[in-house]
Amino acid sequence: MLTDLDVSFWLPTVVLAAALAIKLPSIVKMWRDPLLRAVGGLLLFGCAVFVFAAPSTISWVNRVTGVPNIAAPWVYSLITALCASWLLLIVAWRNGPGEAAATRRATRRVVTVYAGVVAGLWILFALADAPVERTRDLDTYYATTPFMREQILLYLVAHTLACSVTARLIWNWIRTDRLDAWLRWGLRLLAVGYTTNLLFDAAKLTAVAARWTGRDLDWLSTSVAPIAACLAATLVAVGFIVPHAGQYLQENWRLRTLRRRLRPLYLLTRSVSGGREPFNLRATGELRLIRRETFIRDALLQLSRYLDEDLRTRSRAAALDLGLAPERAEALAAAVTLLDAVETRRRAPEAEGTGSADTTYLMREIQAVSQALRRPAELDAVRARAAVPAERARA
């Protein structure tokens, strides 16, 4: 049965797994990229740490293997591998794709050092005498036991070093100007997460050092440290999610906005073509936008022979006379001409039309024309003013 402490371990696991699922397609597609490999390793080891560090999992590992406390070097090894993945991520970030040789050298150093730490953890455990199973307070219970003491200190020092280096470099990177808003927020969360990890180390080291002096501060190790670790892991996972989720949502919102802005022009051209744009619930936002744009442009081609170039010229001059900006005047003139073409076609659908109008602007700036259709008062004012020279010419 899961306790509250177990649940606190599984919650960051879920968030880390979600981040891994989001990044996995990119990792698989571009596996040769050391940065993506480091991110994948970081998230994978992060999930593994919290899965195997839960007290219920620790008991299961000890029971299955039949060796008391063997879960300790296993969890410490996963934590050490996680630390190495943090440093490998920083190495890939700092060096970039243009410094492959430097990246390989630094990667070999990190892997060598932390592989040595992992080997040391298992050697020290093999030399130690730890017969009493401890699922929650092993660090403090065996803080004064020979070889177990060194094992605990070794993993904490390796963890503290990796957290300090990673947090410092990420905080420095945040201060650069070459970051978009979503990436900057993601890095802030990562930096706070790694800084929070130092609280885990401080709590653990303080509790262990207290045992060395004969004092009992075990609550720092059993209560404060797990909370700090879970909070740090959640912040790190969210830090990886935010840039991707934020950019996806922002792009999706942009596409939806562009499609919605085309609605006035779409409704107008739909009355001409008599059909509808293709619709599919599974279609992406980009595909839906493309389909609407294609539908509108196809309908505009049908209206091209009814467009009055002279009316467009007069309407543009009228809009400028009303004090409107040139870009806005051009869009209003195109909208007035388009409305006139729709009305002309409705009155005489079989008429040939002149076909002399220039449709380049109309086809290219459908967004601006659609927005102009949302301003009926301005359209009426431009249409009325543009009609005056034509009536005088006829007179």
Protein backbone atom coordinates (compact mmCIF):
# COMPACT_ATOMS: atom_id res chain seq x y z
CA MET A 1 0.00 0.00 0.00
CA LEU A 2 1.34 3.42 -0.98
CA THR A 3 2.09 5.86 1.82
CA ASP A 4 2.13 9.65 1.55
CA LEU A 5 5.90 9.49 1.20
CA ASP A 6 5.60 7.04 -1.69
CA VAL A 7 3.13 9.35 -3.44
CA SER A 8 5.57 12.26 -3.08
CA PHE A 9 8.13 10.15 -4.97
CA TRP A 10 5.74 9.10 -7.73
CA LEU A 11 4.46 12.61 -8.50
CA PRO A 12 7.81 13.89 -9.87
CA THR A 13 8.16 10.57 -11.69
CA VAL A 14 4.97 11.30 -13.61
CA VAL A 15 6.12 14.81 -14.51
CA LEU A 16 9.56 13.57 -15.59
CA ALA A 17 7.95 10.83 -17.67
CA ALA A 18 5.71 13.41 -19.34
CA ALA A 19 8.75 15.53 -20.19
CA LEU A 20 10.51 12.45 -21.57
CA ALA A 21 7.47 11.57 -23.71
CA ILE A 22 7.42 15.10 -25.15
CA LYS A 23 11.14 15.04 -25.96
CA LEU A 24 11.30 11.42 -27.13
CA PRO A 25 10.33 11.99 -30.81
CA SER A 26 13.09 14.58 -31.19
CA ILE A 27 15.60 12.39 -29.37
CA VAL A 28 14.86 9.39 -31.60
CA LYS A 29 14.88 11.48 -34.78
CA MET A 30 18.16 13.25 -34.00
CA TRP A 31 19.93 10.68 -31.88
CA ARG A 32 23.39 11.83 -33.02
CA ASP A 33 22.84 15.21 -31.34
CA PRO A 34 24.75 15.05 -28.01
CA LEU A 35 22.49 17.69 -26.49
CA LEU A 36 19.35 15.66 -27.10
CA ARG A 37 21.05 12.48 -25.89
CA ALA A 38 21.99 14.26 -22.66
CA VAL A 39 18.43 15.49 -22.19
CA GLY A 40 17.08 12.00 -22.80
CA GLY A 41 19.53 10.48 -20.33
CA LEU A 42 18.74 13.14 -17.75
CA LEU A 43 15.00 12.54 -17.90
CA LEU A 44 15.38 8.76 -18.02
CA PHE A 45 17.70 8.62 -15.00
CA GLY A 46 15.50 11.14 -13.21
CA CYS A 47 12.50 8.82 -13.59
CA ALA A 48 14.57 5.83 -12.49
CA VAL A 49 15.86 7.61 -9.38
CA PHE A 50 12.39 8.39 -8.07
CA VAL A 51 11.01 4.99 -8.98
CA PHE A 52 13.74 3.12 -7.12
CA ALA A 53 14.12 5.64 -4.28
CA ALA A 54 10.53 5.16 -3.11
CA PRO A 55 10.50 3.19 0.18
CA SER A 56 8.18 0.52 -1.24
CA THR A 57 10.53 -0.05 -4.21
CA ILE A 58 13.55 -0.17 -1.91
CA SER A 59 11.90 -2.94 0.12
CA TRP A 60 11.04 -4.81 -3.08
CA VAL A 61 14.61 -4.63 -4.43
CA ASN A 62 16.06 -5.84 -1.13
CA ARG A 63 13.54 -8.66 -0.94
CA VAL A 64 14.02 -9.82 -4.56
CA THR A 65 17.82 -9.83 -4.35
CA GLY A 66 17.93 -11.21 -0.84
CA VAL A 67 20.67 -8.73 0.12
CA PRO A 68 19.80 -6.23 2.88
CA ASN A 69 20.17 -2.61 1.74
CA ILE A 70 21.48 -3.46 -1.71
CA ALA A 71 18.99 -0.89 -2.97
CA ALA A 72 21.28 1.76 -1.45
CA PRO A 73 24.22 1.47 -3.87
CA TRP A 74 21.72 0.93 -6.69
CA VAL A 75 19.85 4.17 -5.95
CA TYR A 76 23.12 6.00 -5.30
CA SER A 77 24.40 4.77 -8.67
CA LEU A 78 21.28 6.08 -10.41
CA ILE A 79 21.71 9.43 -8.66
CA THR A 80 25.34 9.53 -9.77
CA ALA A 81 24.35 8.72 -13.36
CA LEU A 82 21.78 11.52 -13.15
CA CYS A 83 24.52 13.89 -11.98
CA ALA A 84 26.67 12.85 -14.94
CA SER A 85 23.78 13.53 -17.33
CA TRP A 86 23.44 17.04 -15.89
CA LEU A 87 27.10 17.76 -16.58
CA LEU A 88 26.90 16.20 -20.05
CA LEU A 89 23.96 18.47 -20.80
CA ILE A 90 25.98 21.50 -19.76
CA VAL A 91 28.94 20.32 -21.86
CA ALA A 92 26.72 19.98 -24.94
CA TRP A 93 25.09 23.36 -24.30
CA ARG A 94 28.32 25.27 -23.78
CA ASN A 95 30.37 23.79 -26.61
CA GLY A 96 27.66 23.60 -29.25
CA PRO A 97 27.75 21.66 -32.55
CA GLY A 98 30.82 23.53 -33.82
CA GLU A 99 33.14 22.16 -31.11
CA ALA A 100 32.69 18.42 -31.48
CA ALA A 101 36.23 17.58 -30.40
CA ALA A 102 35.98 19.62 -27.20
CA THR A 103 32.59 18.08 -26.48
CA ARG A 104 33.97 14.56 -26.85
CA ARG A 105 36.91 15.29 -24.55
CA ALA A 106 34.73 16.82 -21.86
CA THR A 107 32.21 13.99 -22.22
CA ARG A 108 34.93 11.38 -21.71
CA ARG A 109 36.14 13.17 -18.56
CA VAL A 110 32.66 13.35 -17.07
CA VAL A 111 31.87 9.73 -17.91
CA THR A 112 35.23 8.53 -16.54
CA VAL A 113 34.92 10.43 -13.26
CA TYR A 114 31.33 9.47 -12.54
CA ALA A 115 31.83 5.88 -13.66
CA GLY A 116 34.63 5.77 -11.11
CA VAL A 117 32.22 7.13 -8.49
CA VAL A 118 29.70 4.39 -9.31
CA ALA A 119 32.41 1.73 -9.07
CA GLY A 120 33.51 3.19 -5.74
CA LEU A 121 29.95 3.05 -4.39
CA TRP A 122 29.68 -0.68 -5.06
CA ILE A 123 33.16 -1.45 -3.72
CA LEU A 124 32.44 0.44 -0.50
CA PHE A 125 29.10 -1.34 -0.11
CA ALA A 126 30.79 -4.71 -0.59
CA LEU A 127 33.30 -3.85 2.16
CA ALA A 128 30.70 -2.49 4.56
CA ASP A 129 28.63 -4.37 7.11
CA ALA A 130 24.99 -3.21 6.85
CA PRO A 131 22.74 -6.09 7.93
CA VAL A 132 19.75 -4.02 9.17
CA GLU A 133 17.42 -2.94 6.38
CA ARG A 134 16.59 0.77 6.41
CA THR A 135 14.19 2.09 3.79
CA ARG A 136 13.99 5.73 4.90
CA ASP A 137 16.90 6.63 7.17
CA LEU A 138 19.81 4.59 5.83
CA ASP A 139 22.02 7.67 5.38
CA THR A 140 21.83 8.65 9.04
CA TYR A 141 21.53 5.15 10.49
CA TYR A 142 24.81 4.07 8.90
CA ALA A 143 26.46 7.51 8.99
CA THR A 144 29.14 6.27 11.40
CA THR A 145 29.53 2.75 9.97
CA PRO A 146 32.90 2.14 8.25
CA PHE A 147 32.71 2.08 4.45
CA MET A 148 28.96 2.87 4.52
CA ARG A 149 29.97 6.27 5.85
CA GLU A 150 32.34 6.80 2.93
CA GLN A 151 29.77 5.50 0.46
CA ILE A 152 27.14 7.98 1.66
CA LEU A 153 29.62 10.84 1.64
CA LEU A 154 30.84 9.92 -1.85
CA TYR A 155 27.43 10.09 -3.51
CA LEU A 156 26.50 13.30 -1.68
CA VAL A 157 29.71 15.05 -2.69
CA ALA A 158 29.29 13.95 -6.33
CA HIS A 159 25.68 15.16 -6.28
CA THR A 160 26.56 18.51 -4.68
CA LEU A 161 29.35 19.15 -7.19
CA ALA A 162 27.12 18.41 -10.19
CA CYS A 163 24.27 20.56 -8.83
CA SER A 164 26.56 23.49 -8.11
CA VAL A 165 28.20 23.47 -11.54
CA THR A 166 24.93 22.99 -13.41
CA ALA A 167 23.02 25.66 -11.48
CA ARG A 168 25.81 28.24 -11.85
CA LEU A 169 26.18 27.73 -15.60
CA ILE A 170 22.42 27.83 -16.23
CA TRP A 171 22.07 31.07 -14.23
CA ASN A 172 24.87 32.53 -16.34
CA TRP A 173 23.18 31.41 -19.54
CA ILE A 174 19.89 33.05 -18.53
CA ARG A 175 21.65 36.43 -18.55
CA THR A 176 22.45 36.17 -22.27
CA ASP A 177 20.29 37.97 -24.84
CA ARG A 178 19.97 35.17 -27.41
CA LEU A 179 16.96 33.50 -25.79
CA ASP A 180 13.28 33.61 -26.61
CA ALA A 181 10.76 34.08 -23.80
CA TRP A 182 9.74 30.42 -23.50
CA LEU A 183 13.33 29.15 -23.40
CA ARG A 184 14.24 31.77 -20.81
CA TRP A 185 11.37 30.68 -18.56
CA GLY A 186 12.36 27.06 -19.01
CA LEU A 187 15.93 27.84 -18.02
CA ARG A 188 14.76 29.75 -14.96
CA LEU A 189 12.81 26.74 -13.80
CA LEU A 190 15.81 24.51 -14.45
CA ALA A 191 18.08 26.84 -12.50
CA VAL A 192 15.67 27.00 -9.56
CA GLY A 193 15.32 23.22 -9.69
CA TYR A 194 19.06 22.61 -9.54
CA THR A 195 19.42 25.21 -6.78
CA THR A 196 16.68 23.42 -4.83
CA ASN A 197 18.68 20.21 -5.24
CA LEU A 198 21.39 21.88 -3.16
CA LEU A 199 18.87 22.05 -0.30
CA PHE A 200 18.63 18.27 -0.56
CA ASP A 201 22.41 17.99 -0.25
CA ALA A 202 22.56 20.49 2.62
CA ALA A 203 19.86 18.63 4.56
CA LYS A 204 21.49 15.25 4.01
CA LEU A 205 25.03 16.41 4.83
CA THR A 206 23.86 18.26 7.94
CA ALA A 207 21.98 15.22 9.24
CA VAL A 208 24.96 12.93 8.55
CA ALA A 209 27.44 15.34 10.14
CA ALA A 210 25.17 15.59 13.19
CA ARG A 211 25.42 11.84 13.65
CA TRP A 212 29.21 12.14 13.56
CA THR A 213 29.04 14.53 16.51
CA GLY A 214 26.52 12.43 18.42
CA ARG A 215 23.48 14.59 17.68
CA ASP A 216 20.17 13.53 16.11
CA LEU A 217 18.97 15.66 13.19
CA ASP A 218 17.57 12.73 11.23
CA TRP A 219 14.40 14.67 10.37
CA LEU A 220 16.46 16.74 7.94
CA SER A 221 17.32 13.58 6.01
CA THR A 222 13.96 11.80 6.26
CA SER A 223 11.57 14.76 5.88
CA VAL A 224 13.24 17.85 4.46
CA ALA A 225 15.57 16.19 1.93
CA PRO A 226 12.87 14.11 0.15
CA ILE A 227 10.62 17.16 -0.19
CA ALA A 228 13.49 19.21 -1.63
CA ALA A 229 14.39 16.40 -4.07
CA CYS A 230 10.81 15.97 -5.27
CA LEU A 231 10.32 19.71 -5.69
CA ALA A 232 13.63 20.04 -7.54
CA ALA A 233 12.81 17.17 -9.90
CA THR A 234 9.39 18.62 -10.65
CA LEU A 235 10.89 22.03 -11.42
CA VAL A 236 13.52 20.47 -13.69
CA ALA A 237 10.90 18.43 -15.56
CA VAL A 238 8.62 21.44 -16.00
CA GLY A 239 11.66 23.44 -17.11
CA PHE A 240 12.09 21.02 -20.02
CA ILE A 241 8.35 20.99 -20.79
CA VAL A 242 7.75 24.75 -20.78
CA PRO A 243 9.74 25.70 -23.92
CA HIS A 244 8.16 22.96 -26.02
CA ALA A 245 4.64 23.30 -24.66
CA GLY A 246 4.81 27.10 -24.74
CA GLN A 247 6.08 27.26 -28.32
CA TYR A 248 3.50 24.68 -29.41
CA LEU A 249 0.63 26.56 -27.77
CA GLN A 250 1.87 29.89 -29.10
CA GLU A 251 2.16 28.56 -32.65
CA ASN A 252 -1.22 26.85 -32.41
CA TRP A 253 -2.80 30.08 -31.16
CA ARG A 254 -1.17 32.04 -33.99
CA LEU A 255 -2.56 29.64 -36.61
CA ARG A 256 -6.02 29.74 -35.05
CA THR A 257 -5.91 33.54 -34.97
CA LEU A 258 -4.90 33.76 -38.63
CA ARG A 259 -7.67 31.35 -39.62
CA ARG A 260 -10.24 33.24 -37.55
CA ARG A 261 -9.22 36.56 -39.12
CA LEU A 262 -9.93 35.07 -42.54
CA ARG A 263 -13.53 34.29 -41.59
CA PRO A 264 -15.14 37.47 -43.09
CA LEU A 265 -13.43 36.88 -46.43
CA TYR A 266 -14.18 33.16 -46.25
CA LEU A 267 -17.91 33.78 -45.70
CA LEU A 268 -17.96 36.24 -48.59
CA THR A 269 -16.19 33.91 -51.02
CA ARG A 270 -18.28 30.96 -49.87
CA SER A 271 -21.35 32.76 -51.13
CA VAL A 272 -19.63 32.88 -54.53
CA SER A 273 -18.38 29.31 -54.79
CA GLY A 274 -21.38 27.72 -53.12
CA GLY A 275 -19.13 25.21 -51.33
CA ARG A 276 -17.17 24.90 -48.08
CA GLU A 277 -13.57 24.41 -47.17
CA PRO A 278 -12.62 20.77 -46.40
CA PHE A 279 -12.92 19.96 -42.70
CA ASN A 280 -11.27 17.20 -40.71
CA LEU A 281 -11.22 16.96 -36.92
CA ARG A 282 -7.77 15.39 -37.03
CA ALA A 283 -6.27 18.10 -39.24
CA THR A 284 -3.54 20.23 -37.71
CA GLY A 285 -3.97 23.97 -37.26
CA GLU A 286 -1.52 24.61 -40.08
CA LEU A 287 -3.42 22.34 -42.47
CA ARG A 288 -6.74 24.00 -41.62
CA LEU A 289 -5.24 27.42 -42.29
CA ILE A 290 -3.82 26.27 -45.62
CA ARG A 291 -7.18 24.80 -46.65
CA ARG A 292 -9.00 28.04 -45.83
CA GLU A 293 -6.44 30.12 -47.71
CA THR A 294 -6.65 27.77 -50.71
CA PHE A 295 -10.45 27.89 -50.70
CA ILE A 296 -10.43 31.70 -50.61
CA ARG A 297 -7.88 32.07 -53.39
CA ASP A 298 -9.77 29.62 -55.61
CA ALA A 299 -12.95 31.64 -55.12
CA LEU A 300 -11.09 34.87 -55.83
CA LEU A 301 -9.95 33.45 -59.15
CA GLN A 302 -13.60 32.95 -60.06
CA LEU A 303 -14.29 36.59 -59.20
CA SER A 304 -11.26 38.03 -60.99
CA ARG A 305 -13.14 38.76 -64.23
CA TYR A 306 -15.71 40.85 -62.32
CA LEU A 307 -13.17 43.08 -60.56
CA ASP A 308 -13.22 46.74 -61.54
CA GLU A 309 -9.70 48.14 -61.59
CA ASP A 310 -10.95 51.70 -61.97
CA LEU A 311 -13.11 51.30 -58.87
CA ARG A 312 -10.13 50.03 -56.91
CA THR A 313 -8.04 53.04 -57.94
CA ARG A 314 -10.80 55.49 -56.98
CA SER A 315 -11.42 53.67 -53.69
CA ARG A 316 -7.76 53.82 -52.75
CA ALA A 317 -7.64 57.55 -53.48
CA ALA A 318 -10.83 58.04 -51.49
CA ALA A 319 -9.41 56.18 -48.51
CA LEU A 320 -6.26 58.28 -48.62
CA ASP A 321 -8.39 61.42 -48.78
CA LEU A 322 -10.13 60.25 -45.60
CA GLY A 323 -6.75 60.30 -43.86
CA LEU A 324 -6.15 56.54 -43.68
CA ALA A 325 -2.69 55.01 -43.82
CA PRO A 326 -1.55 53.70 -47.26
CA GLU A 327 -1.61 50.04 -46.15
CA ARG A 328 -5.10 50.37 -44.71
CA ALA A 329 -6.29 52.34 -47.73
CA GLU A 330 -5.03 49.59 -50.06
CA ALA A 331 -6.86 46.88 -48.07
CA LEU A 332 -10.11 48.88 -47.96
CA ALA A 333 -9.92 49.58 -51.68
CA ALA A 334 -9.46 45.87 -52.42
CA ALA A 335 -12.39 45.04 -50.12
CA VAL A 336 -14.67 47.59 -51.82
CA THR A 337 -13.70 46.22 -55.23
CA LEU A 338 -14.32 42.66 -54.08
CA LEU A 339 -17.76 43.50 -52.67
CA ASP A 340 -18.65 45.18 -55.95
CA ALA A 341 -17.45 42.09 -57.89
CA VAL A 342 -19.61 39.80 -55.73
CA GLU A 343 -22.64 42.03 -56.30
CA THR A 344 -21.97 42.23 -60.04
CA ARG A 345 -21.69 38.45 -60.29
CA ARG A 346 -24.87 38.02 -58.27
CA ARG A 347 -26.81 40.33 -60.60
CA ALA A 348 -25.42 38.86 -63.82
CA PRO A 349 -23.78 35.47 -63.16
CA GLU A 350 -23.46 34.75 -66.90
CA ALA A 351 -21.79 38.07 -67.72
CA GLU A 352 -18.26 37.81 -69.09
CA GLY A 353 -16.74 40.71 -67.16
CA THR A 354 -13.68 42.68 -68.22
CA GLY A 355 -10.99 40.54 -66.51
CA SER A 356 -8.59 43.52 -66.57
CA ALA A 357 -8.08 43.98 -62.82
CA ASP A 358 -4.73 43.25 -61.18
CA THR A 359 -5.32 40.50 -58.59
CA THR A 360 -1.75 40.33 -57.26
CA TYR A 361 -2.47 42.34 -54.11
CA LEU A 362 -5.81 40.65 -53.52
CA MET A 363 -4.30 37.17 -53.71
CA ARG A 364 -1.29 38.03 -51.56
CA GLU A 365 -2.91 40.12 -48.82
CA ILE A 366 -6.02 38.10 -48.04
CA GLN A 367 -5.49 38.69 -44.31
CA ALA A 368 -5.54 42.47 -44.71
CA VAL A 369 -8.57 42.35 -47.03
CA SER A 370 -10.46 40.10 -44.61
CA GLN A 371 -9.77 42.51 -41.75
CA ALA A 372 -10.98 45.39 -43.90
CA LEU A 373 -14.31 43.59 -44.32
CA ARG A 374 -14.74 43.86 -40.53
CA ARG A 375 -15.02 47.67 -40.84
CA PRO A 376 -18.37 48.31 -42.54
CA ALA A 377 -18.43 52.00 -41.58
CA GLU A 378 -15.09 52.67 -43.26
CA LEU A 379 -16.10 50.59 -46.28
CA ASP A 380 -19.29 52.63 -46.69
CA ALA A 381 -17.37 55.90 -46.36
CA VAL A 382 -14.78 54.86 -48.95
CA ARG A 383 -17.44 53.50 -51.30
CA ALA A 384 -19.50 56.70 -51.07
CA ARG A 385 -16.50 58.94 -51.68
CA ALA A 386 -15.22 56.76 -54.54
CA ALA A 387 -18.64 56.89 -56.25
CA VAL A 388 -18.62 60.70 -56.55
CA PRO A 389 -15.94 60.99 -59.30
CA ALA A 390 -17.65 58.23 -61.29
CA GLU A 391 -21.04 59.99 -61.15
CA ARG A 392 -19.44 63.28 -62.23
CA ALA A 393 -17.73 61.51 -65.12
CA ARG A 394 -21.04 60.01 -66.27
CA ALA A 395 -22.70 63.44 -66.00
